[in-house]
Amino acid sequence: MIFKMGKKKKKILAAVAWPYVNGDIHIGHLAGYLFPADIYARFNRLIGNEVLMVSGSDCYGTPITLEADKRGIRPEDIVAEYHEKNKRLFQETLKLSFDIYTKTTTENHHGLVRDAFVRLAGKGFIFRDTANQYYSESERRFLPDRYVEGKCPKCGYEEARSDQCDKCGLLFEQGELLNPRSKVSGTPVILRPSEHYFLDWPKLEPFLKEYIDSKRDWRPWVLNETKGWLDNGLRPRAITRDIDWGVPIPTDRLPEDLRIEGAEHKRIYVWFEAVMGYLSATIEWAKINKKDWKEWWYGEDLLHAYFMGKDNLVFHTLFWPGELHGYDERIHLPDKPFVNQFLNLEGRKFSKSRGITIDSEYIVRTYGLDPVRFYLASINPESADTNFAWDDFVAKVNDVLIGNFGNFINRTLTLAEGVDLDGVGVDKEVEEKILATFGRAEECLSGGSFRDYLNTILELSDFGNKYLSGHEPWKIKKTNPEEFRRVIKNALFLVEALHIVSAPLLPETSGKISDMLGVSPVAQWPITRVVEHISETLKRAKISEAAPLFQKIDPEVAEKERSRLSSN
């Protein structure tokens, strides 16, 4: 098998969904978009691609104002608290490899959003119209979407918000929600007319159909759901709201016939402006690093990969490409939207208010970063909702990560310490298995199949364990030293292959293996000379005393953690 990878180097934009800064990051966020994006970015750096991994805090969603109202403080205070907290979490605890993590309150972001608004308006994609919006008579104000909840007309979920059902994903127009009520006062709300700006999606629909028809390599369910939106026909959608927290409307830059009364009390709607963060973050990064941002959006050999949960699907597969095309027909559009479905917890939907959640900081500090990355990759919700279960977490860490992967590496390094392996060859069977593993791993990672990538790693370590068990080198160390050396050399080749291939998934473990082998940290995946690369690396190896890579988890932990959830 010939190992083919990355013929021409690319600029990879890893565009990671922007979390709302209204609460702590739970493991659903880790599985949904943060860890997959980090694995993908690390992999592409190792094969020699230039990677720019961008994201930031989504500061203008109504979840922020709701949290501020509950606590009696300003939205700015919520943003300041959670933005800094999340930055520390991402950098120090989760060790995500962001090149920039910014926020939507920057003047840089505001400037881009206002420029895009004016440009889209100038091209006839934005118009003014009157729309019905929910109004609370008891509170004497219009209410943003997340301030209103009711019953979903499709699935019957009783806590759907006024623009989207978090359970089935249906998007609503104002007035379609059943039994709407204010989340603040609990009183019924009514519809009242209010003038707003709309994006004319029917004008962009022919372009979007052509764009989607060209995307044959998307996950099938993502492509089907996107096509379903187009099949139903796109309707104009309001891009402003009656709210005082958000990006101001650039009224002074609009022609007279497009100006609406009271625009100073309205703001650009978050779904329209937040996705522009991928572009504004690139511009901000380029300014800081004295680079040309246009190389990432107009250059050659570009690949833009997006990472998000399914509640953000349509905003990234249709709305964002449409906005970009309307902004500039020459700009690079999304190539691969790696949209994940939802992660549940012990069979239930995550809910902070009900205590059905696992804080990311807590689980990583308690059980280790790489065991959490490993387990969440094993249940990555790529094509269907999956479930985090404490029993399963403990079993897979103990029996698979440690019992399979860690066990093989530890056994081999223990046997190999002090053994002279100069002049010893490697079996063709081992070489072929390593080549096949790298080829399959590259295919999985390029296509966003993170569960299959993990399985490929485990198949190689399982092969290694069976190789050791089949040859029993501990029995022939004295009776057949040449055969012993041959077996150990083959096992070490497998260890170094695992060291390299698992580096995007298990960065801390990769560092530990480097130390025990006495080699440099993994800096690249071999492109065409896999066996030669491993051989050259092992010539420099100075194996130190082997130590366990992971600590086993007490099985009783599962029951304790589960009962902690049950008590909420």
Protein backbone atom coordinates (compact mmCIF):
# COMPACT_ATOMS: atom_id res chain seq x y z
CA MET A 1 0.00 0.00 0.00
CA ILE A 2 1.31 3.45 -0.92
CA PHE A 3 0.80 6.12 1.71
CA LYS A 4 -0.49 9.24 -0.06
CA MET A 5 -0.86 12.47 1.84
CA GLY A 6 -1.08 16.23 1.33
CA LYS A 7 0.46 16.48 -2.16
CA LYS A 8 0.30 20.26 -2.22
CA LYS A 9 0.39 22.20 1.02
CA LYS A 10 -2.77 24.10 1.86
CA LYS A 11 -3.86 26.94 4.05
CA ILE A 12 -6.42 25.38 6.37
CA LEU A 13 -8.86 27.68 8.18
CA ALA A 14 -10.23 25.72 11.14
CA ALA A 15 -13.30 27.80 12.00
CA VAL A 16 -14.69 26.81 15.40
CA ALA A 17 -18.19 27.71 16.56
CA TRP A 18 -18.27 30.70 18.92
CA PRO A 19 -19.64 29.74 22.36
CA TYR A 20 -22.06 32.08 24.09
CA VAL A 21 -20.47 33.70 27.13
CA ASN A 22 -23.39 33.07 29.44
CA GLY A 23 -22.24 30.01 31.34
CA ASP A 24 -19.65 27.31 31.82
CA ILE A 25 -18.43 25.08 28.99
CA HIS A 26 -19.72 21.52 29.47
CA ILE A 27 -18.60 18.30 27.81
CA GLY A 28 -21.27 18.62 25.12
CA HIS A 29 -19.27 21.56 23.77
CA LEU A 30 -16.09 19.48 23.91
CA ALA A 31 -17.58 16.61 21.92
CA GLY A 32 -19.63 18.81 19.60
CA TYR A 33 -16.96 21.09 18.17
CA LEU A 34 -13.96 21.97 20.39
CA PHE A 35 -12.07 18.67 20.47
CA PRO A 36 -12.87 17.69 16.84
CA ALA A 37 -11.55 21.07 15.66
CA ASP A 38 -8.40 20.74 17.74
CA ILE A 39 -7.69 17.21 16.49
CA TYR A 40 -8.20 18.35 12.90
CA ALA A 41 -5.96 21.40 13.32
CA ARG A 42 -3.17 19.44 15.01
CA PHE A 43 -3.28 16.79 12.29
CA ASN A 44 -3.04 19.33 9.48
CA ARG A 45 -0.10 21.08 11.13
CA LEU A 46 1.70 17.73 11.43
CA ILE A 47 1.31 16.94 7.72
CA GLY A 48 2.76 20.33 6.83
CA ASN A 49 -0.32 22.41 6.08
CA GLU A 50 -0.48 25.98 7.35
CA VAL A 51 -3.34 26.15 9.85
CA LEU A 52 -5.24 29.09 11.28
CA MET A 53 -7.61 27.99 14.04
CA VAL A 54 -10.00 30.79 14.96
CA SER A 55 -12.89 31.34 17.30
CA GLY A 56 -14.07 33.61 20.07
CA SER A 57 -16.86 34.52 22.43
CA ASP A 58 -20.31 35.18 20.98
CA CYS A 59 -21.20 38.16 23.13
CA TYR A 60 -24.44 39.48 21.67
CA GLY A 61 -26.85 36.60 21.90
CA THR A 62 -29.84 37.07 24.16
CA PRO A 63 -28.58 34.26 26.44
CA ILE A 64 -26.11 36.88 27.67
CA THR A 65 -28.78 39.49 28.41
CA LEU A 66 -30.96 36.84 30.07
CA GLU A 67 -28.10 35.84 32.36
CA ALA A 68 -27.38 39.50 33.10
CA ASP A 69 -31.05 40.12 33.96
CA LYS A 70 -31.13 37.13 36.29
CA ARG A 71 -28.06 38.36 38.15
CA GLY A 72 -28.93 42.04 38.09
CA ILE A 73 -25.73 43.08 36.32
CA ARG A 74 -24.81 44.48 32.89
CA PRO A 75 -24.25 42.28 29.82
CA GLU A 76 -20.73 43.74 29.65
CA ASP A 77 -20.01 42.23 33.06
CA ILE A 78 -21.20 38.79 31.91
CA VAL A 79 -18.98 39.02 28.84
CA ALA A 80 -15.92 40.08 30.84
CA GLU A 81 -16.41 37.28 33.37
CA TYR A 82 -16.98 34.36 31.01
CA HIS A 83 -14.72 35.43 28.16
CA GLU A 84 -11.65 35.47 30.40
CA LYS A 85 -12.78 32.29 32.16
CA ASN A 86 -13.22 30.46 28.85
CA LYS A 87 -9.88 31.70 27.53
CA ARG A 88 -8.12 30.29 30.58
CA LEU A 89 -10.05 27.02 30.26
CA PHE A 90 -9.16 26.64 26.61
CA GLN A 91 -5.50 27.55 27.04
CA GLU A 92 -4.55 26.07 30.41
CA THR A 93 -6.89 23.13 31.01
CA LEU A 94 -8.06 21.96 27.59
CA LYS A 95 -4.87 23.11 25.84
CA LEU A 96 -6.69 23.83 22.59
CA SER A 97 -4.41 25.02 19.81
CA PHE A 98 -6.23 28.23 18.87
CA ASP A 99 -4.22 30.76 16.89
CA ILE A 100 -6.65 33.45 18.02
CA TYR A 101 -9.58 33.43 20.43
CA THR A 102 -11.28 36.82 20.36
CA LYS A 103 -14.81 38.16 20.90
CA THR A 104 -17.59 39.90 18.99
CA THR A 105 -17.43 43.11 21.03
CA THR A 106 -14.20 44.28 19.36
CA GLU A 107 -14.22 47.35 17.13
CA ASN A 108 -12.60 45.16 14.47
CA HIS A 109 -15.66 42.87 14.45
CA HIS A 110 -18.11 45.78 14.61
CA GLY A 111 -16.40 47.42 11.65
CA LEU A 112 -16.60 44.31 9.48
CA VAL A 113 -20.26 43.68 10.35
CA ARG A 114 -21.25 47.26 9.55
CA ASP A 115 -19.28 47.20 6.29
CA ALA A 116 -20.94 43.93 5.27
CA PHE A 117 -24.38 45.31 6.17
CA VAL A 118 -23.85 48.39 3.99
CA ARG A 119 -22.40 46.39 1.11
CA LEU A 120 -25.27 43.87 1.12
CA ALA A 121 -27.77 46.73 1.27
CA GLY A 122 -26.05 48.45 -1.66
CA LYS A 123 -26.39 45.28 -3.74
CA GLY A 124 -30.11 45.01 -3.03
CA PHE A 125 -29.92 42.05 -0.67
CA ILE A 126 -31.29 43.99 2.32
CA PHE A 127 -34.68 45.70 2.46
CA ARG A 128 -36.87 47.26 5.11
CA ASP A 129 -40.26 45.92 6.12
CA THR A 130 -42.62 45.66 9.03
CA ALA A 131 -42.61 42.44 11.00
CA ASN A 132 -44.60 41.18 13.91
CA GLN A 133 -42.50 40.76 17.01
CA TYR A 134 -43.37 39.44 20.44
CA TYR A 135 -44.35 42.15 22.89
CA SER A 136 -44.92 41.84 26.62
CA GLU A 137 -47.71 44.12 27.78
CA SER A 138 -46.84 43.47 31.41
CA GLU A 139 -43.19 44.47 30.84
CA ARG A 140 -44.03 47.15 28.21
CA ARG A 141 -41.33 46.13 25.78
CA PHE A 142 -40.53 44.02 22.74
CA LEU A 143 -38.86 40.76 23.72
CA PRO A 144 -35.89 39.18 21.93
CA ASP A 145 -36.19 35.56 20.90
CA ARG A 146 -34.75 33.86 23.95
CA TYR A 147 -36.97 35.92 26.23
CA VAL A 148 -39.97 34.08 24.78
CA GLU A 149 -40.69 30.38 25.05
CA GLY A 150 -43.62 28.13 24.26
CA LYS A 151 -44.61 24.89 22.59
CA CYS A 152 -42.93 23.71 19.39
CA PRO A 153 -45.57 23.20 16.68
CA LYS A 154 -43.60 20.27 15.24
CA CYS A 155 -42.42 18.12 18.17
CA GLY A 156 -44.43 19.56 21.06
CA TYR A 157 -41.40 20.53 23.15
CA GLU A 158 -42.77 22.88 25.82
CA GLU A 159 -39.65 25.03 26.25
CA ALA A 160 -38.92 25.94 22.64
CA ARG A 161 -37.71 29.51 22.20
CA SER A 162 -39.46 31.85 19.82
CA ASP A 163 -37.08 31.43 16.88
CA GLN A 164 -35.91 27.81 17.23
CA CYS A 165 -36.69 24.54 18.96
CA ASP A 166 -33.59 23.19 20.70
CA LYS A 167 -35.07 19.69 20.71
CA CYS A 168 -35.95 19.11 17.03
CA GLY A 169 -34.03 22.01 15.46
CA LEU A 170 -37.01 23.61 13.71
CA LEU A 171 -36.61 27.35 13.03
CA PHE A 172 -39.67 29.54 13.52
CA GLU A 173 -41.01 32.77 12.18
CA GLN A 174 -42.58 35.11 14.72
CA GLY A 175 -46.10 33.87 15.50
CA GLU A 176 -45.54 30.16 14.83
CA LEU A 177 -44.71 29.25 18.43
CA LEU A 178 -47.68 27.86 20.38
CA ASN A 179 -48.70 29.43 23.70
CA PRO A 180 -45.85 31.98 23.74
CA ARG A 181 -44.96 33.50 27.10
CA SER A 182 -42.25 35.70 28.60
CA LYS A 183 -39.42 33.82 30.27
CA VAL A 184 -38.95 36.78 32.60
CA SER A 185 -42.49 37.35 33.85
CA GLY A 186 -44.17 34.13 32.77
CA THR A 187 -47.07 36.11 31.30
CA PRO A 188 -48.45 35.60 27.77
CA VAL A 189 -47.01 37.74 24.99
CA ILE A 190 -48.66 39.18 21.88
CA LEU A 191 -47.46 40.15 18.43
CA ARG A 192 -46.97 43.80 17.53
CA PRO A 193 -45.62 45.30 14.32
CA SER A 194 -42.10 46.70 14.30
CA GLU A 195 -40.02 47.92 11.35
CA HIS A 196 -36.81 45.99 10.65
CA TYR A 197 -34.22 45.10 8.05
CA PHE A 198 -34.52 41.82 6.17
CA LEU A 199 -32.05 39.77 4.18
CA ASP A 200 -33.63 38.79 0.86
CA TRP A 201 -32.86 35.09 0.80
CA PRO A 202 -34.94 34.36 -2.34
CA LYS A 203 -32.45 36.52 -4.27
CA LEU A 204 -29.57 34.37 -3.00
CA GLU A 205 -31.38 31.05 -3.42
CA PRO A 206 -30.23 30.31 -7.03
CA PHE A 207 -26.61 30.76 -6.00
CA LEU A 208 -27.05 28.62 -2.89
CA LYS A 209 -28.62 25.77 -4.88
CA GLU A 210 -25.65 25.76 -7.23
CA TYR A 211 -23.25 25.92 -4.28
CA ILE A 212 -24.90 23.02 -2.43
CA ASP A 213 -25.08 20.88 -5.59
CA SER A 214 -21.27 20.99 -5.71
CA LYS A 215 -20.87 19.61 -2.18
CA ARG A 216 -20.75 15.85 -2.58
CA ASP A 217 -18.27 15.21 0.25
CA TRP A 218 -20.33 16.58 3.15
CA ARG A 219 -21.68 14.22 5.79
CA PRO A 220 -24.82 12.74 4.17
CA TRP A 221 -27.22 13.87 6.89
CA VAL A 222 -25.81 17.42 6.80
CA LEU A 223 -26.21 17.61 3.04
CA ASN A 224 -29.73 16.16 3.16
CA GLU A 225 -30.89 18.56 5.84
CA THR A 226 -29.42 21.51 3.97
CA LYS A 227 -31.11 20.45 0.75
CA GLY A 228 -34.37 20.11 2.66
CA TRP A 229 -34.21 23.81 3.50
CA LEU A 230 -33.69 24.69 -0.14
CA ASP A 231 -36.44 22.35 -1.31
CA ASN A 232 -38.89 24.15 0.97
CA GLY A 233 -37.82 27.52 -0.41
CA LEU A 234 -36.01 30.26 1.50
CA ARG A 235 -37.91 33.26 2.82
CA PRO A 236 -36.65 36.75 3.72
CA ARG A 237 -35.41 36.80 7.31
CA ALA A 238 -35.16 39.72 9.70
CA ILE A 239 -31.58 40.66 10.55
CA THR A 240 -32.35 43.30 13.22
CA ARG A 241 -34.15 43.18 16.55
CA ASP A 242 -35.58 45.60 19.10
CA ILE A 243 -32.79 45.30 21.62
CA ASP A 244 -30.06 47.58 22.93
CA TRP A 245 -27.27 44.97 23.21
CA GLY A 246 -25.55 44.23 19.92
CA VAL A 247 -23.80 45.75 16.92
CA PRO A 248 -25.41 49.13 16.08
CA ILE A 249 -27.06 49.54 12.67
CA PRO A 250 -24.96 51.79 10.35
CA THR A 251 -27.95 53.99 9.56
CA ASP A 252 -25.81 57.00 8.62
CA ARG A 253 -24.23 55.01 5.78
CA LEU A 254 -27.52 53.89 4.26
CA PRO A 255 -29.50 55.80 1.59
CA GLU A 256 -32.49 57.79 2.81
CA ASP A 257 -35.04 55.35 1.43
CA LEU A 258 -33.48 52.53 3.50
CA ARG A 259 -33.43 54.31 6.85
CA ILE A 260 -35.96 53.25 9.44
CA GLU A 261 -37.32 55.23 12.35
CA GLY A 262 -35.99 54.35 15.78
CA ALA A 263 -32.97 52.46 14.42
CA GLU A 264 -30.90 53.70 17.35
CA HIS A 265 -32.97 51.41 19.60
CA LYS A 266 -32.44 48.37 17.38
CA ARG A 267 -29.39 46.18 16.84
CA ILE A 268 -28.12 43.80 14.18
CA TYR A 269 -29.42 40.32 14.94
CA VAL A 270 -26.87 37.88 16.34
CA TRP A 271 -27.40 35.14 13.76
CA PHE A 272 -26.40 37.58 11.02
CA GLU A 273 -23.31 39.04 12.70
CA ALA A 274 -21.82 36.22 14.79
CA VAL A 275 -20.80 34.06 11.80
CA MET A 276 -18.82 37.01 10.49
CA GLY A 277 -16.48 36.40 13.40
CA TYR A 278 -14.58 33.83 11.35
CA LEU A 279 -13.58 36.58 8.94
CA SER A 280 -13.13 39.32 11.53
CA ALA A 281 -10.98 37.00 13.68
CA THR A 282 -8.76 36.32 10.67
CA ILE A 283 -8.38 40.05 10.08
CA GLU A 284 -7.56 40.63 13.75
CA TRP A 285 -4.99 37.80 13.77
CA ALA A 286 -3.37 39.18 10.62
CA LYS A 287 -3.06 42.67 12.13
CA ILE A 288 -1.43 41.28 15.27
CA ASN A 289 0.99 39.09 13.32
CA LYS A 290 1.61 41.54 10.44
CA LYS A 291 0.19 39.13 7.86
CA ASP A 292 -2.12 39.59 4.88
CA TRP A 293 -5.53 38.25 5.89
CA LYS A 294 -6.64 38.08 2.26
CA GLU A 295 -4.28 35.17 1.68
CA TRP A 296 -6.66 33.14 3.85
CA TRP A 297 -9.84 34.22 2.04
CA TYR A 298 -8.80 34.92 -1.53
CA GLY A 299 -5.60 32.93 -2.03
CA GLU A 300 -4.96 29.61 -3.71
CA ASP A 301 -4.98 26.16 -2.14
CA LEU A 302 -7.40 27.14 0.62
CA LEU A 303 -9.58 24.79 2.62
CA HIS A 304 -12.10 26.16 5.13
CA ALA A 305 -13.38 23.64 7.67
CA TYR A 306 -16.14 24.58 10.14
CA PHE A 307 -16.96 22.85 13.42
CA MET A 308 -20.30 23.17 15.20
CA GLY A 309 -23.33 21.40 16.68
CA LYS A 310 -26.45 20.63 14.66
CA ASP A 311 -28.38 23.59 16.10
CA ASN A 312 -26.02 25.77 14.05
CA LEU A 313 -26.26 23.75 10.84
CA VAL A 314 -28.35 26.01 8.61
CA PHE A 315 -26.49 29.13 9.73
CA HIS A 316 -23.23 27.64 8.43
CA THR A 317 -24.35 25.61 5.41
CA LEU A 318 -26.68 28.23 3.90
CA PHE A 319 -26.80 31.58 5.71
CA TRP A 320 -23.05 32.13 6.07
CA PRO A 321 -22.20 31.13 2.46
CA GLY A 322 -25.03 33.40 1.32
CA GLU A 323 -23.74 36.33 3.35
CA LEU A 324 -20.21 35.79 2.05
CA HIS A 325 -21.35 35.60 -1.56
CA GLY A 326 -23.43 38.74 -1.18
CA TYR A 327 -20.49 40.48 0.47
CA ASP A 328 -17.98 39.54 -2.24
CA GLU A 329 -18.50 36.98 -5.00
CA ARG A 330 -14.73 36.30 -5.10
CA ILE A 331 -14.34 35.35 -1.44
CA HIS A 332 -13.68 31.75 -0.37
CA LEU A 333 -16.74 29.84 0.80
CA PRO A 334 -17.02 27.02 3.38
CA ASP A 335 -15.63 23.72 2.10
CA LYS A 336 -16.32 21.24 4.90
CA PRO A 337 -18.93 21.84 7.62
CA PHE A 338 -18.15 19.19 10.23
CA VAL A 339 -21.52 19.38 11.96
CA ASN A 340 -22.08 17.09 14.92
CA GLN A 341 -25.33 15.96 16.42
CA PHE A 342 -25.93 16.22 20.16
CA LEU A 343 -24.26 14.49 23.08
CA ASN A 344 -26.66 13.45 25.84
CA LEU A 345 -25.77 12.71 29.44
CA GLU A 346 -26.94 9.44 30.95
CA GLY A 347 -29.78 9.41 28.42
CA ARG A 348 -30.91 12.97 29.14
CA LYS A 349 -30.48 16.28 27.38
CA PHE A 350 -27.91 18.60 28.97
CA SER A 351 -29.58 21.16 31.22
CA LYS A 352 -27.64 23.52 33.43
CA SER A 353 -30.79 24.56 35.34
CA ARG A 354 -31.61 20.92 36.16
CA GLY A 355 -28.03 20.03 37.03
CA ILE A 356 -27.75 17.61 34.11
CA THR A 357 -24.27 18.65 33.09
CA ILE A 358 -20.59 17.87 33.51
CA ASP A 359 -18.31 20.86 33.72
CA SER A 360 -15.31 20.62 31.38
CA GLU A 361 -12.88 21.99 33.95
CA TYR A 362 -14.03 19.43 36.51
CA ILE A 363 -13.82 16.30 34.37
CA VAL A 364 -10.41 17.16 32.89
CA ARG A 365 -8.89 18.15 36.23
CA THR A 366 -10.30 15.00 37.85
CA TYR A 367 -9.67 12.32 35.21
CA GLY A 368 -7.07 13.80 32.85
CA LEU A 369 -7.17 15.61 29.52
CA ASP A 370 -6.27 12.75 27.22
CA PRO A 371 -8.65 10.19 28.76
CA VAL A 372 -11.47 12.70 28.22
CA ARG A 373 -10.34 13.42 24.63
CA PHE A 374 -10.13 9.67 24.01
CA TYR A 375 -13.58 8.87 25.37
CA LEU A 376 -15.36 11.75 23.67
CA ALA A 377 -13.74 10.77 20.36
CA SER A 378 -15.04 7.23 20.87
CA ILE A 379 -18.62 8.53 21.15
CA ASN A 380 -18.30 11.51 18.81
CA PRO A 381 -21.85 12.28 17.59
CA GLU A 382 -20.99 12.54 13.89
CA SER A 383 -24.16 11.06 12.42
CA ALA A 384 -26.56 10.62 15.35
CA ASP A 385 -27.00 11.73 18.94
CA THR A 386 -24.76 9.80 21.32
CA ASN A 387 -24.69 9.32 25.06
CA PHE A 388 -22.08 9.98 27.75
CA ALA A 389 -22.45 7.35 30.46
CA TRP A 390 -20.17 7.21 33.49
CA ASP A 391 -20.02 3.39 33.47
CA ASP A 392 -18.97 3.44 29.83
CA PHE A 393 -16.42 6.20 30.43
CA VAL A 394 -14.72 4.24 33.23
CA ALA A 395 -14.82 0.96 31.29
CA LYS A 396 -13.38 2.40 28.09
CA VAL A 397 -10.62 4.27 29.86
CA ASN A 398 -9.62 1.25 31.96
CA ASP A 399 -10.15 -1.55 29.45
CA VAL A 400 -9.41 0.12 26.11
CA LEU A 401 -7.23 3.20 26.55
CA ILE A 402 -5.16 1.59 29.31
CA GLY A 403 -5.77 -2.12 28.66
CA ASN A 404 -5.14 -1.92 24.92
CA PHE A 405 -3.19 1.21 23.93
CA GLY A 406 -1.30 1.96 27.15
CA ASN A 407 -0.65 -1.69 27.94
CA PHE A 408 1.11 -2.38 24.65
CA ILE A 409 3.37 0.67 24.90
CA ASN A 410 4.26 -0.02 28.52
CA ARG A 411 5.00 -3.71 27.89
CA THR A 412 7.19 -2.93 24.91
CA LEU A 413 9.20 -0.15 26.53
CA THR A 414 9.75 -2.26 29.64
CA LEU A 415 11.13 -5.13 27.53
CA ALA A 416 13.17 -2.82 25.27
CA GLU A 417 15.09 -0.94 27.95
CA GLY A 418 18.83 -1.44 27.48
CA VAL A 419 18.46 -3.72 24.43
CA ASP A 420 20.88 -3.13 21.52
CA LEU A 421 18.80 -3.13 18.32
CA ASP A 422 21.42 -2.06 15.78
CA GLY A 423 21.27 -4.06 12.57
CA VAL A 424 17.92 -5.67 13.35
CA GLY A 425 15.33 -5.58 10.56
CA VAL A 426 11.56 -5.22 10.64
CA ASP A 427 9.00 -7.77 9.44
CA LYS A 428 7.12 -6.99 6.25
CA GLU A 429 3.85 -7.74 8.03
CA VAL A 430 4.57 -4.99 10.59
CA GLU A 431 5.61 -2.50 7.91
CA GLU A 432 2.43 -3.14 5.92
CA LYS A 433 0.25 -2.77 9.01
CA ILE A 434 1.88 0.57 9.85
CA LEU A 435 1.50 1.85 6.28
CA ALA A 436 -2.14 0.82 6.21
CA THR A 437 -2.76 2.51 9.56
CA PHE A 438 -1.31 5.84 8.47
CA GLY A 439 -3.19 5.76 5.19
CA ARG A 440 -6.49 5.01 6.90
CA ALA A 441 -5.88 7.56 9.68
CA GLU A 442 -5.15 10.31 7.14
CA GLU A 443 -8.31 9.43 5.24
CA CYS A 444 -10.41 9.53 8.41
CA LEU A 445 -8.99 12.81 9.69
CA SER A 446 -9.26 14.58 6.34
CA GLY A 447 -12.90 13.54 6.15
CA GLY A 448 -13.75 14.34 9.76
CA SER A 449 -14.37 10.71 10.77
CA PHE A 450 -12.89 11.03 14.25
CA ARG A 451 -14.40 7.83 15.66
CA ASP A 452 -12.97 5.80 12.79
CA TYR A 453 -9.62 7.53 13.29
CA LEU A 454 -9.59 6.42 16.93
CA ASN A 455 -10.55 2.88 15.93
CA THR A 456 -7.63 2.85 13.50
CA ILE A 457 -5.26 3.69 16.35
CA LEU A 458 -6.75 1.00 18.56
CA GLU A 459 -6.52 -1.59 15.79
CA LEU A 460 -2.78 -0.91 15.57
CA SER A 461 -2.23 -1.19 19.34
CA ASP A 462 -4.36 -4.36 19.37
CA PHE A 463 -2.16 -5.71 16.57
CA GLY A 464 0.86 -4.89 18.76
CA ASN A 465 -0.56 -6.67 21.80
CA LYS A 466 -1.30 -9.77 19.71
CA TYR A 467 2.18 -9.59 18.20
CA LEU A 468 3.78 -9.63 21.66
CA SER A 469 1.50 -12.37 22.94
CA GLY A 470 2.13 -14.47 19.85
CA HIS A 471 5.94 -14.23 20.07
CA GLU A 472 6.29 -14.16 23.89
CA PRO A 473 9.67 -12.37 23.90
CA TRP A 474 9.97 -12.65 27.69
CA LYS A 475 10.37 -16.41 27.27
CA ILE A 476 13.16 -16.24 24.67
CA LYS A 477 15.27 -13.37 26.00
CA LYS A 478 18.00 -15.76 27.17
CA THR A 479 17.38 -18.80 25.02
CA ASN A 480 17.14 -17.02 21.66
CA PRO A 481 18.57 -13.48 22.01
CA GLU A 482 18.54 -12.75 18.24
CA GLU A 483 14.87 -13.61 17.94
CA PHE A 484 14.22 -11.58 21.09
CA ARG A 485 15.91 -8.53 19.52
CA ARG A 486 13.91 -8.97 16.32
CA VAL A 487 10.59 -9.11 18.18
CA ILE A 488 11.45 -6.07 20.31
CA LYS A 489 12.54 -4.09 17.23
CA ASN A 490 9.20 -4.81 15.57
CA ALA A 491 7.28 -3.90 18.72
CA LEU A 492 9.22 -0.63 19.02
CA PHE A 493 8.36 0.19 15.41
CA LEU A 494 4.70 -0.22 16.35
CA VAL A 495 5.16 1.96 19.45
CA GLU A 496 6.72 4.78 17.42
CA ALA A 497 3.96 4.46 14.82
CA LEU A 498 1.38 4.79 17.60
CA HIS A 499 3.34 7.71 19.04
CA ILE A 500 3.06 9.60 15.75
CA VAL A 501 -0.42 8.61 14.63
CA SER A 502 -2.07 9.33 17.99
CA ALA A 503 -0.44 12.74 18.50
CA PRO A 504 -3.41 14.82 17.21
CA LEU A 505 -5.77 13.01 19.59
CA LEU A 506 -3.56 12.50 22.66
CA PRO A 507 -1.14 15.45 22.85
CA GLU A 508 -0.14 15.02 26.50
CA THR A 509 0.38 11.29 26.09
CA SER A 510 2.48 11.96 23.01
CA GLY A 511 4.80 14.06 25.14
CA LYS A 512 5.14 11.29 27.72
CA ILE A 513 6.01 8.74 25.05
CA SER A 514 8.62 11.12 23.61
CA ASP A 515 10.23 11.36 27.03
CA MET A 516 10.28 7.59 27.59
CA LEU A 517 11.67 6.93 24.12
CA GLY A 518 14.17 9.74 24.50
CA VAL A 519 13.18 11.26 21.15
CA SER A 520 11.97 14.69 20.09
CA PRO A 521 8.25 15.50 20.31
CA VAL A 522 6.24 14.58 17.22
CA ALA A 523 6.75 17.43 14.76
CA GLN A 524 5.46 15.82 11.58
CA TRP A 525 3.68 12.87 10.10
CA PRO A 526 5.88 11.16 7.51
CA ILE A 527 4.47 11.78 4.06
CA THR A 528 5.83 8.99 1.86
CA ARG A 529 8.68 7.46 3.86
CA VAL A 530 6.80 6.15 6.89
CA VAL A 531 9.02 3.17 7.66
CA GLU A 532 12.22 5.10 6.98
CA HIS A 533 11.07 7.96 9.20
CA ILE A 534 10.34 5.60 12.10
CA SER A 535 13.65 3.81 11.60
CA GLU A 536 15.60 7.07 11.66
CA THR A 537 13.75 8.21 14.78
CA LEU A 538 14.46 4.99 16.66
CA LYS A 539 18.18 5.25 15.86
CA ARG A 540 18.20 8.32 18.13
CA ALA A 541 16.08 6.73 20.84
CA LYS A 542 17.37 6.38 24.39
CA ILE A 543 14.74 4.44 26.24
CA SER A 544 14.29 5.36 29.87
CA GLU A 545 12.41 3.48 32.55
CA ALA A 546 8.86 2.84 31.38
CA ALA A 547 6.01 4.25 33.44
CA PRO A 548 2.23 3.87 33.07
CA LEU A 549 0.80 6.47 30.68
CA PHE A 550 -2.54 6.66 32.49
CA GLN A 551 -4.03 6.02 35.91
CA LYS A 552 -6.89 3.53 36.22
CA ILE A 553 -10.21 4.90 37.42
CA ASP A 554 -11.88 3.28 40.41
CA PRO A 555 -15.07 1.62 39.04
CA GLU A 556 -16.99 2.92 42.05
CA VAL A 557 -16.52 6.43 40.65
CA ALA A 558 -19.22 5.78 38.04
CA GLU A 559 -21.92 5.22 40.64
CA LYS A 560 -20.84 8.26 42.65
CA GLU A 561 -20.87 10.53 39.62
CA ARG A 562 -24.20 9.17 38.42
CA SER A 563 -25.85 9.64 41.81
CA ARG A 564 -24.57 13.20 41.86
CA LEU A 565 -26.56 13.80 38.68
CA SER A 566 -29.62 11.96 40.01
CA SER A 567 -29.77 14.18 43.07
CA ASN A 568 -30.20 17.32 40.93
